[in-house]
Protein backbone atom coordinates (compact mmCIF):
# COMPACT_ATOMS: atom_id res chain seq x y z
CA MET A 1 226.62 164.24 145.94
CA ASP A 2 229.57 166.26 147.40
CA THR A 3 230.13 169.78 146.37
CA GLY A 4 232.57 172.66 146.63
CA LEU A 5 236.26 171.83 146.76
CA VAL A 6 235.82 167.98 147.50
CA LYS A 7 233.39 167.53 144.46
CA GLY A 8 234.13 164.26 142.77
CA MET A 9 236.66 163.10 145.46
CA THR A 10 236.33 159.62 146.96
CA LEU A 11 238.42 157.65 149.35
CA PRO A 12 239.31 153.87 148.97
CA LEU A 13 237.65 153.05 152.33
CA GLN A 14 234.41 154.57 151.35
CA GLN A 15 233.20 151.46 149.34
CA TYR A 16 233.47 149.35 152.63
CA MET A 17 231.30 151.97 154.46
CA GLN A 18 227.49 151.64 154.71
CA THR A 19 226.06 154.66 153.11
CA TYR A 20 223.18 156.58 154.34
CA GLN A 21 220.88 155.27 151.53
CA ASP A 22 221.73 151.81 152.47
CA SER A 23 220.85 152.54 156.15
CA VAL A 24 217.49 154.00 155.16
CA VAL A 25 216.69 150.76 153.02
CA ILE A 26 217.50 148.60 156.01
CA GLU A 27 215.55 150.61 158.62
CA ARG A 28 212.39 150.83 156.47
CA ALA A 29 212.47 147.11 156.03
CA ALA A 30 213.22 146.50 159.71
CA ARG A 31 210.37 148.53 160.74
CA SER A 32 208.15 146.74 158.41
CA LEU A 33 209.21 143.50 159.91
CA GLU A 34 208.87 144.78 163.48
CA THR A 35 205.20 145.76 162.70
CA GLN A 36 204.51 142.47 161.32
CA CYS A 37 206.10 140.89 164.38
CA LEU A 38 204.15 143.04 166.87
CA ALA A 39 201.00 142.35 165.14
CA GLY A 40 201.64 138.61 165.83
CA TYR A 41 201.27 139.58 169.62
CA GLY A 42 198.24 141.69 169.21
CA PHE A 43 199.95 145.10 168.85
CA THR A 44 199.03 147.61 166.07
CA VAL A 45 202.07 149.97 165.85
CA THR A 46 202.82 152.47 163.09
CA PHE A 47 206.29 153.45 163.08
CA PRO A 48 207.40 156.96 161.41
CA PRO A 49 209.05 156.73 157.98
CA ALA A 50 212.92 156.26 157.78
CA GLY A 51 214.98 158.77 155.93
CA VAL A 52 213.13 161.97 156.47
CA ASN A 53 216.18 163.66 157.73
CA PRO A 54 219.23 163.24 155.58
CA PRO A 55 222.53 163.84 157.46
CA PRO A 56 225.04 166.15 155.66
CA ASN A 57 227.62 163.37 154.96
CA ALA A 58 226.86 160.42 152.87
CA ASP A 59 228.86 157.88 155.04
CA ASP A 60 231.28 157.91 157.89
CA SER A 61 234.14 159.61 155.93
CA ASN A 62 232.38 162.98 156.23
CA MET A 63 233.99 164.17 152.93
CA PRO A 64 232.28 167.68 153.07
CA ARG A 65 234.07 168.59 156.22
CA ARG A 66 236.84 166.05 156.33
CA TYR A 67 239.41 168.88 155.58
CA GLY A 68 237.44 171.65 157.13
CA ILE A 69 234.66 173.38 155.52
CA SER A 70 234.86 173.05 151.56
CA ASP A 71 231.75 174.42 149.91
CA PRO A 72 231.89 178.28 149.14
CA VAL A 73 228.18 178.34 148.36
CA ALA A 74 227.22 177.10 151.83
CA ALA A 75 229.86 179.17 153.64
CA ALA A 76 228.40 182.24 152.08
CA LYS A 77 225.10 181.50 153.52
CA TYR A 78 225.74 179.50 156.83
CA GLY A 79 229.46 180.17 157.55
CA TYR A 80 230.82 177.08 159.48
CA GLU A 81 227.22 176.17 160.54
CA LEU A 82 225.25 173.22 159.05
CA PRO A 83 222.16 174.34 157.11
CA PRO A 84 219.30 174.54 159.45
CA ASP A 85 217.10 171.42 159.70
CA THR A 86 213.66 172.37 158.19
CA THR A 87 212.38 168.69 158.08
CA GLU A 88 209.18 168.11 160.08
CA HIS A 89 210.13 165.08 162.61
CA PRO A 90 207.23 162.60 162.87
CA GLN A 91 206.55 161.64 166.52
CA PRO A 92 207.55 158.05 167.50
CA PRO A 93 204.65 155.78 168.42
CA LYS A 94 203.51 155.63 171.93
CA LEU A 95 204.05 152.19 173.10
CA SER A 96 202.47 150.41 176.13
CA PRO A 97 204.79 148.56 178.49
CA ALA A 98 203.88 145.32 177.23
CA ALA A 99 204.50 146.49 173.62
CA ILE A 100 207.88 147.73 174.58
CA ALA A 101 208.76 144.29 176.14
CA VAL A 102 207.74 142.49 172.91
CA LEU A 103 209.53 144.95 170.77
CA THR A 104 212.91 145.19 172.67
CA GLY A 105 212.90 142.24 175.05
CA ARG A 106 213.49 144.69 177.61
CA LYS A 107 211.23 146.53 180.30
CA ALA A 108 211.95 150.06 178.74
CA LEU A 109 213.41 151.49 175.58
CA ASP A 110 216.64 152.31 177.20
CA PRO A 111 219.25 149.63 176.08
CA ARG A 112 220.57 149.06 179.50
CA ALA A 113 217.06 148.25 180.86
CA GLU A 114 216.45 145.08 182.57
CA GLU A 115 215.21 142.19 180.34
CA ALA A 116 211.58 141.49 179.93
CA PRO A 117 209.92 138.13 180.42
CA SER A 118 210.61 135.72 177.56
CA THR A 119 206.99 135.14 176.80
CA TYR A 120 203.86 137.49 176.34
CA GLN A 121 200.49 135.80 177.08
CA GLY A 122 201.91 132.36 176.62
CA LYS A 123 203.52 133.08 173.34
CA LYS A 124 207.56 133.02 173.18
CA VAL A 125 209.30 136.43 172.50
CA PRO A 126 212.47 136.46 170.45
CA LYS A 127 215.50 136.98 172.47
CA GLY A 128 216.07 140.82 172.06
CA GLY A 129 212.34 141.17 171.00
CA CYS A 130 210.93 141.89 167.41
CA GLU A 131 213.50 144.57 166.90
CA GLN A 132 216.52 142.02 167.16
CA ALA A 133 214.64 139.44 165.25
CA SER A 134 213.85 141.77 162.46
CA PHE A 135 217.53 142.80 161.90
CA ASP A 136 218.66 139.23 162.45
CA LYS A 137 216.46 138.16 159.52
CA LEU A 138 217.80 140.91 157.36
CA GLY A 139 221.43 139.93 158.67
CA ALA A 140 221.82 143.53 159.37
CA ARG A 141 223.65 143.82 162.59
CA ILE A 142 226.84 144.61 161.11
CA ASP A 143 229.97 146.14 162.99
CA PHE A 144 231.71 148.80 161.00
CA THR A 145 234.36 149.64 163.62
CA LEU A 146 237.24 148.57 161.24
CA PRO A 147 236.56 150.90 158.32
CA SER A 148 235.69 153.71 160.75
CA HIS A 149 238.81 153.14 162.69
CA LEU A 150 241.00 152.93 159.53
CA ASP A 151 239.43 155.93 158.22
CA HIS A 152 240.10 158.09 161.36
CA ASP A 153 243.61 156.81 161.33
CA SER A 154 244.47 157.86 157.78
CA LEU A 155 243.23 161.37 158.40
CA VAL A 156 245.46 161.68 161.46
CA LYS A 157 248.46 160.22 159.52
CA SER A 158 247.85 162.21 156.44
CA GLN A 159 248.23 165.45 158.58
CA GLU A 160 251.80 164.25 159.48
CA ASP A 161 252.87 164.07 155.87
CA PRO A 162 255.63 166.60 154.82
CA ARG A 163 253.53 167.49 151.68
CA VAL A 164 250.28 167.99 154.00
CA GLN A 165 252.29 170.05 156.50
CA LYS A 166 253.72 172.38 153.68
CA ALA A 167 250.38 172.79 152.37
CA LEU A 168 248.74 173.74 155.79
CA THR A 169 251.76 176.14 156.49
CA ALA A 170 250.87 177.74 153.24
CA TRP A 171 247.22 177.77 154.08
CA SER A 172 248.05 179.44 157.45
CA GLY A 173 250.38 181.97 155.73
CA CYS A 174 247.50 182.87 153.37
CA MET A 175 245.16 183.24 156.40
CA LYS A 176 247.63 185.42 158.08
CA SER A 177 247.62 187.90 155.05
CA LYS A 178 243.83 188.04 155.56
CA GLY A 179 244.13 189.03 159.26
CA TYR A 180 243.81 185.65 160.78
CA THR A 181 246.25 183.96 162.93
CA VAL A 182 245.54 179.99 162.79
CA ALA A 183 247.42 177.00 162.27
CA ASP A 184 244.97 174.59 160.57
CA PRO A 185 241.37 174.44 159.16
CA TYR A 186 239.90 172.55 162.23
CA ALA A 187 240.79 175.59 164.45
CA ALA A 188 239.57 178.24 162.15
CA VAL A 189 236.04 177.98 163.45
CA GLY A 190 237.15 178.93 166.94
CA LEU A 191 238.53 182.39 165.75
CA VAL A 192 234.84 184.08 165.57
CA PRO A 193 232.68 183.56 168.53
CA GLY A 194 229.31 181.60 167.40
CA SER A 195 226.25 183.87 167.40
CA GLY A 196 224.29 181.17 169.61
CA SER A 197 221.22 181.70 167.35
CA GLY A 198 221.90 178.92 165.06
CA SER A 199 222.64 181.43 162.12
CA ALA A 200 226.16 182.55 161.02
CA SER A 201 227.24 186.36 161.76
CA GLN A 202 228.78 188.29 158.93
CA LYS A 203 232.24 187.95 160.67
CA GLU A 204 231.93 184.21 160.49
CA ILE A 205 230.81 184.25 156.93
CA THR A 206 233.70 186.55 156.08
CA LEU A 207 236.17 184.12 157.97
CA ALA A 208 234.53 181.03 156.38
CA LEU A 209 235.09 182.21 152.80
CA ALA A 210 238.51 183.45 153.61
CA ASP A 211 239.22 179.92 154.93
CA ILE A 212 237.84 178.25 151.73
CA GLY A 213 239.58 180.90 149.51
CA CYS A 214 242.96 180.04 151.06
CA LYS A 215 242.29 176.24 150.53
CA GLN A 216 241.70 177.19 146.85
CA LYS A 217 244.76 179.12 146.59
CA THR A 218 247.23 176.89 148.12
CA ASP A 219 245.46 173.74 146.67
CA LEU A 220 245.25 172.37 150.27
CA VAL A 221 242.38 169.98 149.79
CA ARG A 222 243.66 168.27 146.73
CA ILE A 223 247.20 167.72 148.29
CA TRP A 224 245.76 166.45 151.56
CA HIS A 225 243.21 164.26 149.79
CA GLY A 226 245.91 162.75 147.70
CA VAL A 227 247.80 161.74 150.56
CA ASP A 228 244.83 160.54 152.47
CA ALA A 229 243.81 158.43 149.71
CA ALA A 230 247.37 156.66 149.11
CA ILE A 231 247.26 155.94 152.90
CA GLN A 232 243.88 154.32 152.83
CA GLN A 233 244.80 152.41 149.68
CA ARG A 234 247.62 150.69 151.65
CA GLN A 235 245.05 150.17 154.55
CA VAL A 236 242.86 148.51 152.16
CA GLU A 237 245.52 146.18 150.96
CA GLN A 238 246.34 145.18 154.52
CA ASN A 239 242.92 144.53 155.52
CA GLN A 240 241.33 143.22 152.27
CA LEU A 241 239.83 140.06 153.62
CA ALA A 242 237.95 141.56 156.45
CA LEU A 243 237.02 144.77 154.51
CA GLN A 244 235.49 142.56 151.70
CA GLN A 245 233.55 140.36 154.18
CA LEU A 246 231.99 143.74 155.60
CA LYS A 247 231.14 144.79 152.03
CA GLU A 248 229.40 141.51 151.35
CA LYS A 249 227.44 141.48 154.54
CA ASN A 250 226.26 145.02 153.86
CA SER A 251 225.31 144.14 150.41
CA GLY A 252 223.36 141.15 151.48
CA ALA A 253 221.53 142.91 154.18
CA VAL A 254 220.53 145.58 151.64
CA LYS A 255 219.34 142.97 149.10
CA ALA A 256 217.51 141.28 152.02
CA ALA A 257 215.91 144.62 153.08
CA GLU A 258 214.82 145.35 149.51
CA ALA A 259 213.18 141.87 149.11
CA ALA A 260 211.26 142.26 152.52
CA LEU A 261 209.89 145.64 151.33
CA ARG A 262 208.71 143.97 148.10
CA ASP A 263 206.76 141.28 150.04
């Protein structure tokens, strides 16, 4: 759930992106299928659980930082930094060369590695190994380049809109009154050197709070989001068929993953 100045704000393209929750369900199902597939070749492998380390953004739109930092509560603690990752990261399983070959269809985990033999102990290995077979079974190899490209394009174009330009100028003037000379929110983080320790200095926190305060005063985020959303709505109308097909593919993959996890 987005917080701060972007709370409740959405963009038209978000419904055509794969959410983090979707990706976790698919990853869990794929790992379960990979485990079953590997067992068929005599390998007992336990993969770490998926979804133990959520990213700060729910999808590719990155709403929390799309228009620069937007959450005053987080800024008061972390400045421009992301909250520290306190999650314990489980170690990946140690795989023998033979298990790697059956899992990936390659001689090493590197995607550029040479292809492994197509059989193991006389049994045929699927093209791309158990990994590819599992994602194929779920229909989960989906290319989200189109919504990602459109999303980036709308953000760039929105900054060229006269309404956003005017709001950015007002924001910059507000920052000037607080002692900071900066043209746009993306450049603000560079005004104070990072501490290098992973935690924010008081100078950085003061700057971050000034940044968000000026966004509130000038209504920058609401104006920018409105223009951004209008551009995306046109993009959706122009790419409706391709986007709808992506949405249906993703929905099908999630349903297949949920079914696989129930089995």
